[in-house]
PDB file of N, CA and C in Angstrom:
ATOM      1  N   MET A   1      67.955  21.387 -10.700  1.00  0.00           N
ATOM      2  CA  MET A   1      67.377  21.390 -12.047  1.00  0.00           C
ATOM      3  C   MET A   1      68.213  22.305 -12.977  1.00  0.00           C
ATOM      4  N   ALA A   2      68.748  23.394 -12.459  1.00  0.00           N
ATOM      5  CA  ALA A   2      69.525  24.299 -13.285  1.00  0.00           C
ATOM      6  C   ALA A   2      70.744  23.625 -13.863  1.00  0.00           C
ATOM      7  N   TRP A   3      71.378  22.753 -13.057  1.00  0.00           N
ATOM      8  CA  TRP A   3      72.558  22.036 -13.553  1.00  0.00           C
ATOM      9  C   TRP A   3      72.196  21.063 -14.656  1.00  0.00           C
ATOM     10  N   ILE A   4      71.021  20.456 -14.589  1.00  0.00           N
ATOM     11  CA  ILE A   4      70.611  19.525 -15.640  1.00  0.00           C
ATOM     12  C   ILE A   4      70.341  20.304 -16.923  1.00  0.00           C
ATOM     13  N   LEU A   5      69.669  21.452 -16.795  1.00  0.00           N
ATOM     14  CA  LEU A   5      69.436  22.283 -17.974  1.00  0.00           C
ATOM     15  C   LEU A   5      70.740  22.749 -18.593  1.00  0.00           C
ATOM     16  N   LEU A   6      71.709  23.062 -17.740  1.00  0.00           N
ATOM     17  CA  LEU A   6      72.999  23.514 -18.238  1.00  0.00           C
ATOM     18  C   LEU A   6      73.751  22.381 -18.931  1.00  0.00           C
ATOM     19  N   LEU A   7      73.648  21.168 -18.392  1.00  0.00           N
ATOM     20  CA  LEU A   7      74.277  20.029 -19.026  1.00  0.00           C
ATOM     21  C   LEU A   7      73.678  19.769 -20.416  1.00  0.00           C
ATOM     22  N   ILE A   8      72.371  19.794 -20.510  1.00  0.00           N
ATOM     23  CA  ILE A   8      71.697  19.608 -21.807  1.00  0.00           C
ATOM     24  C   ILE A   8      72.087  20.715 -22.782  1.00  0.00           C
ATOM     25  N   ALA A   9      72.146  21.947 -22.297  1.00  0.00           N
ATOM     26  CA  ALA A   9      72.542  23.075 -23.124  1.00  0.00           C
ATOM     27  C   ALA A   9      73.950  22.888 -23.648  1.00  0.00           C
ATOM     28  N   GLY A  10      74.858  22.359 -22.793  1.00  0.00           N
ATOM     29  CA  GLY A  10      76.204  22.091 -23.197  1.00  0.00           C
ATOM     30  C   GLY A  10      76.296  21.009 -24.282  1.00  0.00           C
ATOM     31  N   VAL A  11      75.514  19.962 -24.115  1.00  0.00           N
ATOM     32  CA  VAL A  11      75.473  18.875 -25.107  1.00  0.00           C
ATOM     33  C   VAL A  11      74.969  19.414 -26.432  1.00  0.00           C
ATOM     34  N   LEU A  12      73.937  20.238 -26.366  1.00  0.00           N
ATOM     35  CA  LEU A  12      73.418  20.858 -27.586  1.00  0.00           C
ATOM     36  C   LEU A  12      74.429  21.770 -28.255  1.00  0.00           C
ATOM     37  N   GLU A  13      75.318  22.361 -27.439  1.00  0.00           N
ATOM     38  CA  GLU A  13      76.375  23.169 -28.018  1.00  0.00           C
ATOM     39  C   GLU A  13      77.301  22.302 -28.858  1.00  0.00           C
ATOM     40  N   VAL A  14      77.589  21.117 -28.363  1.00  0.00           N
ATOM     41  CA  VAL A  14      78.421  20.166 -29.137  1.00  0.00           C
ATOM     42  C   VAL A  14      77.722  19.772 -30.418  1.00  0.00           C
ATOM     43  N   VAL A  15      76.413  19.531 -30.368  1.00  0.00           N
ATOM     44  CA  VAL A  15      75.607  19.177 -31.529  1.00  0.00           C
ATOM     45  C   VAL A  15      75.698  20.267 -32.566  1.00  0.00           C
ATOM     46  N   TRP A  16      75.471  21.531 -32.138  1.00  0.00           N
ATOM     47  CA  TRP A  16      75.465  22.584 -33.166  1.00  0.00           C
ATOM     48  C   TRP A  16      76.881  22.831 -33.718  1.00  0.00           C
ATOM     49  N   ALA A  17      77.903  22.645 -32.903  1.00  0.00           N
ATOM     50  CA  ALA A  17      79.258  22.806 -33.393  1.00  0.00           C
ATOM     51  C   ALA A  17      79.585  21.742 -34.463  1.00  0.00           C
ATOM     52  N   TYR A  18      79.176  20.507 -34.176  1.00  0.00           N
ATOM     53  CA  TYR A  18      79.410  19.413 -35.158  1.00  0.00           C
ATOM     54  C   TYR A  18      78.669  19.719 -36.474  1.00  0.00           C
ATOM     55  N   PHE A  19      77.422  20.091 -36.365  1.00  0.00           N
ATOM     56  CA  PHE A  19      76.670  20.337 -37.592  1.00  0.00           C
ATOM     57  C   PHE A  19      77.098  21.623 -38.280  1.00  0.00           C
ATOM     58  N   MET A  20      77.682  22.552 -37.558  1.00  0.00           N
ATOM     59  CA  MET A  20      78.269  23.693 -38.263  1.00  0.00           C
ATOM     60  C   MET A  20      79.397  23.226 -39.151  1.00  0.00           C
ATOM     61  N   LYS A  21      80.218  22.336 -38.624  1.00  0.00           N
ATOM     62  CA  LYS A  21      81.293  21.754 -39.442  1.00  0.00           C
ATOM     63  C   LYS A  21      80.727  21.023 -40.654  1.00  0.00           C
ATOM     64  N   GLN A  22      79.657  20.242 -40.420  1.00  0.00           N
ATOM     65  CA  GLN A  22      79.037  19.469 -41.498  1.00  0.00           C
ATOM     66  C   GLN A  22      78.328  20.355 -42.526  1.00  0.00           C
ATOM     67  N   SER A  23      77.989  21.571 -42.141  1.00  0.00           N
ATOM     68  CA  SER A  23      77.273  22.457 -43.100  1.00  0.00           C
ATOM     69  C   SER A  23      78.169  22.997 -44.189  1.00  0.00           C
ATOM     70  N   GLU A  24      79.491  22.806 -44.009  1.00  0.00           N
ATOM     71  CA  GLU A  24      80.471  23.282 -44.991  1.00  0.00           C
ATOM     72  C   GLU A  24      80.250  24.741 -45.334  1.00  0.00           C
ATOM     73  N   GLY A  25      80.295  25.546 -44.283  1.00  0.00           N
ATOM     74  CA  GLY A  25      80.158  27.002 -44.474  1.00  0.00           C
ATOM     75  C   GLY A  25      78.758  27.410 -44.802  1.00  0.00           C
ATOM     76  N   PHE A  26      77.779  26.712 -44.273  1.00  0.00           N
ATOM     77  CA  PHE A  26      76.347  26.958 -44.458  1.00  0.00           C
ATOM     78  C   PHE A  26      75.896  26.710 -45.915  1.00  0.00           C
ATOM     79  N   THR A  27      76.631  25.833 -46.616  1.00  0.00           N
ATOM     80  CA  THR A  27      76.250  25.516 -48.008  1.00  0.00           C
ATOM     81  C   THR A  27      75.362  24.292 -48.092  1.00  0.00           C
ATOM     82  N   ARG A  28      75.236  23.543 -47.002  1.00  0.00           N
ATOM     83  CA  ARG A  28      74.386  22.344 -46.988  1.00  0.00           C
ATOM     84  C   ARG A  28      73.197  22.625 -46.090  1.00  0.00           C
ATOM     85  N   LEU A  29      71.993  22.483 -46.644  1.00  0.00           N
ATOM     86  CA  LEU A  29      70.754  22.914 -45.991  1.00  0.00           C
ATOM     87  C   LEU A  29      70.428  22.114 -44.722  1.00  0.00           C
ATOM     88  N   VAL A  30      70.452  20.789 -44.761  1.00  0.00           N
ATOM     89  CA  VAL A  30      70.054  19.990 -43.624  1.00  0.00           C
ATOM     90  C   VAL A  30      70.978  20.184 -42.432  1.00  0.00           C
ATOM     91  N   PRO A  31      72.308  20.070 -42.591  1.00  0.00           N
ATOM     92  CA  PRO A  31      73.155  20.327 -41.430  1.00  0.00           C
ATOM     93  C   PRO A  31      73.019  21.769 -40.902  1.00  0.00           C
ATOM     94  N   THR A  32      72.798  22.713 -41.791  1.00  0.00           N
ATOM     95  CA  THR A  32      72.621  24.101 -41.328  1.00  0.00           C
ATOM     96  C   THR A  32      71.343  24.220 -40.514  1.00  0.00           C
ATOM     97  N   GLY A  33      70.261  23.547 -40.927  1.00  0.00           N
ATOM     98  CA  GLY A  33      69.014  23.567 -40.186  1.00  0.00           C
ATOM     99  C   GLY A  33      69.140  22.918 -38.815  1.00  0.00           C
ATOM    100  N   ILE A  34      69.800  21.777 -38.761  1.00  0.00           N
ATOM    101  CA  ILE A  34      69.990  21.097 -37.479  1.00  0.00           C
ATOM    102  C   ILE A  34      70.846  21.957 -36.564  1.00  0.00           C
ATOM    103  N   MET A  35      71.878  22.572 -37.122  1.00  0.00           N
ATOM    104  CA  MET A  35      72.729  23.447 -36.339  1.00  0.00           C
ATOM    105  C   MET A  35      71.921  24.612 -35.749  1.00  0.00           C
ATOM    106  N   THR A  36      71.074  25.184 -36.524  1.00  0.00           N
ATOM    107  CA  THR A  36      70.289  26.351 -36.088  1.00  0.00           C
ATOM    108  C   THR A  36      69.353  25.973 -34.945  1.00  0.00           C
ATOM    109  N   VAL A  37      68.634  24.851 -35.111  1.00  0.00           N
ATOM    110  CA  VAL A  37      67.707  24.411 -34.059  1.00  0.00           C
ATOM    111  C   VAL A  37      68.471  24.086 -32.775  1.00  0.00           C
ATOM    112  N   ALA A  38      69.579  23.363 -32.891  1.00  0.00           N
ATOM    113  CA  ALA A  38      70.386  23.024 -31.705  1.00  0.00           C
ATOM    114  C   ALA A  38      70.938  24.260 -31.041  1.00  0.00           C
ATOM    115  N   MET A  39      71.337  25.259 -31.836  1.00  0.00           N
ATOM    116  CA  MET A  39      71.907  26.473 -31.280  1.00  0.00           C
ATOM    117  C   MET A  39      70.854  27.244 -30.482  1.00  0.00           C
ATOM    118  N   VAL A  40      69.686  27.412 -31.062  1.00  0.00           N
ATOM    119  CA  VAL A  40      68.599  28.133 -30.376  1.00  0.00           C
ATOM    120  C   VAL A  40      68.197  27.412 -29.086  1.00  0.00           C
ATOM    121  N   ALA A  41      68.082  26.089 -29.159  1.00  0.00           N
ATOM    122  CA  ALA A  41      67.738  25.324 -27.961  1.00  0.00           C
ATOM    123  C   ALA A  41      68.830  25.415 -26.910  1.00  0.00           C
ATOM    124  N   SER A  42      70.090  25.370 -27.320  1.00  0.00           N
ATOM    125  CA  SER A  42      71.199  25.466 -26.382  1.00  0.00           C
ATOM    126  C   SER A  42      71.193  26.830 -25.665  1.00  0.00           C
ATOM    127  N   PHE A  43      71.027  27.912 -26.417  1.00  0.00           N
ATOM    128  CA  PHE A  43      70.986  29.242 -25.828  1.00  0.00           C
ATOM    129  C   PHE A  43      69.774  29.386 -24.900  1.00  0.00           C
ATOM    130  N   GLY A  44      68.641  28.830 -25.325  1.00  0.00           N
ATOM    131  CA  GLY A  44      67.430  28.895 -24.470  1.00  0.00           C
ATOM    132  C   GLY A  44      67.622  28.195 -23.138  1.00  0.00           C
ATOM    133  N   LEU A  45      68.173  26.991 -23.170  1.00  0.00           N
ATOM    134  CA  LEU A  45      68.404  26.230 -21.936  1.00  0.00           C
ATOM    135  C   LEU A  45      69.471  26.927 -21.073  1.00  0.00           C
ATOM    136  N   LEU A  46      70.476  27.497 -21.695  1.00  0.00           N
ATOM    137  CA  LEU A  46      71.468  28.252 -20.938  1.00  0.00           C
ATOM    138  C   LEU A  46      70.790  29.439 -20.221  1.00  0.00           C
ATOM    139  N   ALA A  47      69.926  30.112 -20.894  1.00  0.00           N
ATOM    140  CA  ALA A  47      69.232  31.257 -20.300  1.00  0.00           C
ATOM    141  C   ALA A  47      68.380  30.802 -19.109  1.00  0.00           C
ATOM    142  N   LEU A  48      67.717  29.659 -19.245  1.00  0.00           N
ATOM    143  CA  LEU A  48      66.912  29.151 -18.130  1.00  0.00           C
ATOM    144  C   LEU A  48      67.817  28.782 -16.937  1.00  0.00           C
ATOM    145  N   ALA A  49      68.941  28.154 -17.210  1.00  0.00           N
ATOM    146  CA  ALA A  49      69.859  27.769 -16.151  1.00  0.00           C
ATOM    147  C   ALA A  49      70.408  29.015 -15.441  1.00  0.00           C
ATOM    148  N   MET A  50      70.582  30.093 -16.196  1.00  0.00           N
ATOM    149  CA  MET A  50      71.122  31.320 -15.572  1.00  0.00           C
ATOM    150  C   MET A  50      70.132  32.004 -14.659  1.00  0.00           C
ATOM    151  N   ARG A  51      68.890  31.554 -14.632  1.00  0.00           N
ATOM    152  CA  ARG A  51      67.949  32.123 -13.682  1.00  0.00           C
ATOM    153  C   ARG A  51      68.407  31.880 -12.239  1.00  0.00           C
ATOM    154  N   SER A  52      69.076  30.749 -12.008  1.00  0.00           N
ATOM    155  CA  SER A  52      69.478  30.445 -10.644  1.00  0.00           C
ATOM    156  C   SER A  52      70.962  30.200 -10.487  1.00  0.00           C
ATOM    157  N   LEU A  53      71.726  30.098 -11.574  1.00  0.00           N
ATOM    158  CA  LEU A  53      73.171  29.919 -11.457  1.00  0.00           C
ATOM    159  C   LEU A  53      73.866  31.241 -11.733  1.00  0.00           C
ATOM    160  N   PRO A  54      75.010  31.451 -11.127  1.00  0.00           N
ATOM    161  CA  PRO A  54      75.780  32.683 -11.414  1.00  0.00           C
ATOM    162  C   PRO A  54      76.221  32.717 -12.873  1.00  0.00           C
ATOM    163  N   LEU A  55      76.206  33.898 -13.450  1.00  0.00           N
ATOM    164  CA  LEU A  55      76.585  34.093 -14.849  1.00  0.00           C
ATOM    165  C   LEU A  55      77.929  33.453 -15.204  1.00  0.00           C
ATOM    166  N   GLY A  56      78.961  33.810 -14.423  1.00  0.00           N
ATOM    167  CA  GLY A  56      80.295  33.304 -14.710  1.00  0.00           C
ATOM    168  C   GLY A  56      80.375  31.795 -14.672  1.00  0.00           C
ATOM    169  N   THR A  57      79.753  31.191 -13.683  1.00  0.00           N
ATOM    170  CA  THR A  57      79.756  29.732 -13.567  1.00  0.00           C
ATOM    171  C   THR A  57      79.000  29.098 -14.713  1.00  0.00           C
ATOM    172  N   ALA A  58      77.784  29.567 -14.954  1.00  0.00           N
ATOM    173  CA  ALA A  58      76.950  28.964 -16.014  1.00  0.00           C
ATOM    174  C   ALA A  58      77.608  29.066 -17.366  1.00  0.00           C
ATOM    175  N   TYR A  59      78.117  30.234 -17.682  1.00  0.00           N
ATOM    176  CA  TYR A  59      78.726  30.425 -18.997  1.00  0.00           C
ATOM    177  C   TYR A  59      80.017  29.604 -19.147  1.00  0.00           C
ATOM    178  N   ALA A  60      80.815  29.585 -18.102  1.00  0.00           N
ATOM    179  CA  ALA A  60      82.066  28.812 -18.182  1.00  0.00           C
ATOM    180  C   ALA A  60      81.797  27.315 -18.306  1.00  0.00           C
ATOM    181  N   VAL A  61      80.840  26.817 -17.552  1.00  0.00           N
ATOM    182  CA  VAL A  61      80.518  25.389 -17.651  1.00  0.00           C
ATOM    183  C   VAL A  61      79.935  25.073 -19.010  1.00  0.00           C
ATOM    184  N   TRP A  62      79.063  25.924 -19.534  1.00  0.00           N
ATOM    185  CA  TRP A  62      78.459  25.717 -20.846  1.00  0.00           C
ATOM    186  C   TRP A  62      79.533  25.666 -21.930  1.00  0.00           C
ATOM    187  N   THR A  63      80.385  26.635 -21.933  1.00  0.00           N
ATOM    188  CA  THR A  63      81.445  26.642 -22.950  1.00  0.00           C
ATOM    189  C   THR A  63      82.441  25.499 -22.739  1.00  0.00           C
ATOM    190  N   GLY A  64      82.676  25.156 -21.468  1.00  0.00           N
ATOM    191  CA  GLY A  64      83.593  24.039 -21.187  1.00  0.00           C
ATOM    192  C   GLY A  64      83.031  22.723 -21.706  1.00  0.00           C
ATOM    193  N   ILE A  65      81.748  22.474 -21.468  1.00  0.00           N
ATOM    194  CA  ILE A  65      81.134  21.257 -21.996  1.00  0.00           C
ATOM    195  C   ILE A  65      81.227  21.268 -23.513  1.00  0.00           C
ATOM    196  N   GLY A  66      80.966  22.418 -24.108  1.00  0.00           N
ATOM    197  CA  GLY A  66      81.052  22.507 -25.563  1.00  0.00           C
ATOM    198  C   GLY A  66      82.449  22.266 -26.079  1.00  0.00           C
ATOM    199  N   ALA A  67      83.414  22.849 -25.424  1.00  0.00           N
ATOM    200  CA  ALA A  67      84.830  22.680 -25.865  1.00  0.00           C
ATOM    201  C   ALA A  67      85.300  21.232 -25.713  1.00  0.00           C
ATOM    202  N   ILE A  68      85.012  20.644 -24.579  1.00  0.00           N
ATOM    203  CA  ILE A  68      85.421  19.248 -24.355  1.00  0.00           C
ATOM    204  C   ILE A  68      84.679  18.326 -25.291  1.00  0.00           C
ATOM    205  N   GLY A  69      83.370  18.553 -25.417  1.00  0.00           N
ATOM    206  CA  GLY A  69      82.565  17.702 -26.306  1.00  0.00           C
ATOM    207  C   GLY A  69      82.989  17.811 -27.746  1.00  0.00           C
ATOM    208  N   ALA A  70      83.271  19.032 -28.207  1.00  0.00           N
ATOM    209  CA  ALA A  70      83.721  19.231 -29.586  1.00  0.00           C
ATOM    210  C   ALA A  70      85.077  18.578 -29.796  1.00  0.00           C
ATOM    211  N   PHE A  71      85.934  18.630 -28.795  1.00  0.00           N
ATOM    212  CA  PHE A  71      87.228  17.946 -28.876  1.00  0.00           C
ATOM    213  C   PHE A  71      87.042  16.459 -29.054  1.00  0.00           C
ATOM    214  N   VAL A  72      86.179  15.874 -28.211  1.00  0.00           N
ATOM    215  CA  VAL A  72      85.948  14.432 -28.265  1.00  0.00           C
ATOM    216  C   VAL A  72      85.321  14.045 -29.616  1.00  0.00           C
ATOM    217  N   VAL A  73      84.325  14.788 -30.050  1.00  0.00           N
ATOM    218  CA  VAL A  73      83.683  14.511 -31.351  1.00  0.00           C
ATOM    219  C   VAL A  73      84.699  14.632 -32.477  1.00  0.00           C
ATOM    220  N   GLY A  74      85.540  15.630 -32.406  1.00  0.00           N
ATOM    221  CA  GLY A  74      86.572  15.821 -33.437  1.00  0.00           C
ATOM    222  C   GLY A  74      87.493  14.624 -33.490  1.00  0.00           C
ATOM    223  N   VAL A  75      87.945  14.140 -32.352  1.00  0.00           N
ATOM    224  CA  VAL A  75      88.872  13.021 -32.300  1.00  0.00           C
ATOM    225  C   VAL A  75      88.184  11.698 -32.693  1.00  0.00           C
ATOM    226  N   VAL A  76      87.028  11.438 -32.122  1.00  0.00           N
ATOM    227  CA  VAL A  76      86.359  10.145 -32.279  1.00  0.00           C
ATOM    228  C   VAL A  76      85.629  10.051 -33.625  1.00  0.00           C
ATOM    229  N   ILE A  77      84.908  11.061 -34.029  1.00  0.00           N
ATOM    230  CA  ILE A  77      84.088  11.004 -35.242  1.00  0.00           C
ATOM    231  C   ILE A  77      84.804  11.548 -36.463  1.00  0.00           C
ATOM    232  N   LEU A  78      85.511  12.671 -36.292  1.00  0.00           N
ATOM    233  CA  LEU A  78      86.125  13.329 -37.442  1.00  0.00           C
ATOM    234  C   LEU A  78      87.602  12.950 -37.646  1.00  0.00           C
ATOM    235  N   ASP A  79      88.104  12.052 -36.787  1.00  0.00           N
ATOM    236  CA  ASP A  79      89.464  11.545 -36.887  1.00  0.00           C
ATOM    237  C   ASP A  79      90.506  12.645 -36.842  1.00  0.00           C
ATOM    238  N   GLU A  80      90.305  13.616 -35.944  1.00  0.00           N
ATOM    239  CA  GLU A  80      91.247  14.703 -35.791  1.00  0.00           C
ATOM    240  C   GLU A  80      92.463  14.227 -34.971  1.00  0.00           C
ATOM    241  N   HIS A  81      93.578  14.854 -35.168  1.00  0.00           N
ATOM    242  CA  HIS A  81      94.824  14.507 -34.527  1.00  0.00           C
ATOM    243  C   HIS A  81      94.730  14.749 -33.015  1.00  0.00           C
ATOM    244  N   ILE A  82      95.352  13.846 -32.241  1.00  0.00           N
ATOM    245  CA  ILE A  82      95.386  13.992 -30.793  1.00  0.00           C
ATOM    246  C   ILE A  82      96.853  13.914 -30.365  1.00  0.00           C
ATOM    247  N   ASN A  83      97.212  14.760 -29.381  1.00  0.00           N
ATOM    248  CA  ASN A  83      98.566  14.736 -28.841  1.00  0.00           C
ATOM    249  C   ASN A  83      98.550  15.124 -27.366  1.00  0.00           C
ATOM    250  N   VAL A  84      99.680  15.082 -26.757  1.00  0.00           N
ATOM    251  CA  VAL A  84      99.786  15.349 -25.330  1.00  0.00           C
ATOM    252  C   VAL A  84      99.290  16.768 -24.978  1.00  0.00           C
ATOM    253  N   GLY A  85      99.627  17.745 -25.779  1.00  0.00           N
ATOM    254  CA  GLY A  85      99.232  19.110 -25.518  1.00  0.00           C
ATOM    255  C   GLY A  85      97.715  19.280 -25.550  1.00  0.00           C
ATOM    256  N   ARG A  86      97.072  18.637 -26.508  1.00  0.00           N
ATOM    257  CA  ARG A  86      95.597  18.747 -26.583  1.00  0.00           C
ATOM    258  C   ARG A  86      94.939  18.022 -25.407  1.00  0.00           C
ATOM    259  N   ILE A  87      95.494  16.905 -25.025  1.00  0.00           N
ATOM    260  CA  ILE A  87      94.952  16.166 -23.859  1.00  0.00           C
ATOM    261  C   ILE A  87      95.143  16.997 -22.594  1.00  0.00           C
ATOM    262  N   LEU A  88      96.299  17.592 -22.441  1.00  0.00           N
ATOM    263  CA  LEU A  88      96.559  18.450 -21.282  1.00  0.00           C
ATOM    264  C   LEU A  88      95.582  19.622 -21.242  1.00  0.00           C
ATOM    265  N   GLY A  89      95.364  20.233 -22.381  1.00  0.00           N
ATOM    266  CA  GLY A  89      94.413  21.360 -22.455  1.00  0.00           C
ATOM    267  C   GLY A  89      93.020  20.962 -21.998  1.00  0.00           C
ATOM    268  N   VAL A  90      92.524  19.853 -22.506  1.00  0.00           N
ATOM    269  CA  VAL A  90      91.201  19.363 -22.115  1.00  0.00           C
ATOM    270  C   VAL A  90      91.163  18.995 -20.649  1.00  0.00           C
ATOM    271  N   THR A  91      92.231  18.416 -20.151  1.00  0.00           N
ATOM    272  CA  THR A  91      92.297  18.072 -18.725  1.00  0.00           C
ATOM    273  C   THR A  91      92.206  19.308 -17.851  1.00  0.00           C
ATOM    274  N   LEU A  92      92.846  20.374 -18.267  1.00  0.00           N
ATOM    275  CA  LEU A  92      92.798  21.637 -17.525  1.00  0.00           C
ATOM    276  C   LEU A  92      91.373  22.239 -17.550  1.00  0.00           C
ATOM    277  N   ILE A  93      90.695  22.113 -18.685  1.00  0.00           N
ATOM    278  CA  ILE A  93      89.303  22.589 -18.777  1.00  0.00           C
ATOM    279  C   ILE A  93      88.446  21.817 -17.805  1.00  0.00           C
ATOM    280  N   VAL A  94      88.574  20.489 -17.795  1.00  0.00           N
ATOM    281  CA  VAL A  94      87.794  19.669 -16.880  1.00  0.00           C
ATOM    282  C   VAL A  94      88.064  20.042 -15.452  1.00  0.00           C
ATOM    283  N   ALA A  95      89.323  20.254 -15.082  1.00  0.00           N
ATOM    284  CA  ALA A  95      89.682  20.644 -13.711  1.00  0.00           C
ATOM    285  C   ALA A  95      89.030  21.972 -13.363  1.00  0.00           C
ATOM    286  N   GLY A  96      89.052  22.890 -14.282  1.00  0.00           N
ATOM    287  CA  GLY A  96      88.401  24.179 -14.034  1.00  0.00           C
ATOM    288  C   GLY A  96      86.916  24.068 -13.820  1.00  0.00           C
ATOM    289  N   LEU A  97      86.270  23.225 -14.614  1.00  0.00           N
ATOM    290  CA  LEU A  97      84.819  23.012 -14.461  1.00  0.00           C
ATOM    291  C   LEU A  97      84.488  22.399 -13.110  1.00  0.00           C
ATOM    292  N   VAL A  98      85.292  21.435 -12.683  1.00  0.00           N
ATOM    293  CA  VAL A  98      85.076  20.799 -11.394  1.00  0.00           C
ATOM    294  C   VAL A  98      85.189  21.828 -10.250  1.00  0.00           C
ATOM    295  N   VAL A  99      86.219  22.674 -10.334  1.00  0.00           N
ATOM    296  CA  VAL A  99      86.382  23.714  -9.288  1.00  0.00           C
ATOM    297  C   VAL A  99      85.191  24.673  -9.303  1.00  0.00           C
ATOM    298  N   LEU A 100      84.729  25.081 -10.479  1.00  0.00           N
ATOM    299  CA  LEU A 100      83.581  25.980 -10.548  1.00  0.00           C
ATOM    300  C   LEU A 100      82.343  25.336  -9.940  1.00  0.00           C
ATOM    301  N   LYS A 101      82.105  24.065 -10.260  1.00  0.00           N
ATOM    302  CA  LYS A 101      80.946  23.356  -9.729  1.00  0.00           C
ATOM    303  C   LYS A 101      81.042  23.269  -8.215  1.00  0.00           C
ATOM    304  N   LEU A 102      82.196  22.914  -7.714  1.00  0.00           N
ATOM    305  CA  LEU A 102      82.364  22.750  -6.263  1.00  0.00           C
ATOM    306  C   LEU A 102      82.272  24.090  -5.511  1.00  0.00           C
ATOM    307  N   SER A 103      82.626  25.172  -6.181  1.00  0.00           N
ATOM    308  CA  SER A 103      82.626  26.476  -5.511  1.00  0.00           C
ATOM    309  C   SER A 103      81.318  27.232  -5.653  1.00  0.00           C
ATOM    310  N   THR A 104      80.368  26.684  -6.389  1.00  0.00           N
ATOM    311  CA  THR A 104      79.064  27.303  -6.535  1.00  0.00           C
ATOM    312  C   THR A 104      78.166  26.840  -5.378  1.00  0.00           C
ATOM    313  N   SER A 105      77.517  27.741  -4.718  1.00  0.00           N
ATOM    314  CA  SER A 105      76.728  27.392  -3.529  1.00  0.00           C
ATOM    315  C   SER A 105      75.637  26.415  -3.843  1.00  0.00           C
ATOM    316  N   ALA A 106      75.311  25.591  -2.867  1.00  0.00           N
ATOM    317  CA  ALA A 106      74.274  24.551  -3.014  1.00  0.00           C
ATOM    318  C   ALA A 106      72.906  25.163  -3.284  1.00  0.00           C
ATOM    319  N   ASP A 107      72.623  26.389  -2.842  1.00  0.00           N
ATOM    320  CA  ASP A 107      71.329  26.985  -3.097  1.00  0.00           C
ATOM    321  C   ASP A 107      71.120  27.411  -4.528  1.00  0.00           C
ATOM    322  N   ALA A 108      72.167  27.287  -5.373  1.00  0.00           N
ATOM    323  CA  ALA A 108      72.036  27.600  -6.798  1.00  0.00           C
ATOM    324  C   ALA A 108      71.872  26.334  -7.593  1.00  0.00           C
ATOM    325  N   ALA A 109      71.147  25.379  -7.065  1.00  0.00           N
ATOM    326  CA  ALA A 109      70.956  24.090  -7.745  1.00  0.00           C
ATOM    327  C   ALA A 109      69.620  23.983  -8.412  1.00  0.00           C
TER     328      ALA A 109
END
């Protein structure tokens, strides 16, 4: 269950990052509101996941999901530039997340 909470928290991190961009420096009310709600929910779910997952693993996976998700949203929705270096960077993040997941004991699920 902790991994599911962590996954949802990571997705919400992507949501709040996207809406932070859309808020244009907190000058637009609706995107700022959505960002705030998603941010609070993301932190809350992360905190719940940390009840049974190690701090380092939970935080790294949460930020990794956010970084990868923000990268994908930036490329797909915001038409940001993509190149070999950026793809390599995201690939390394994914590899690191897989290693963390595999190295976390089964009793922390």
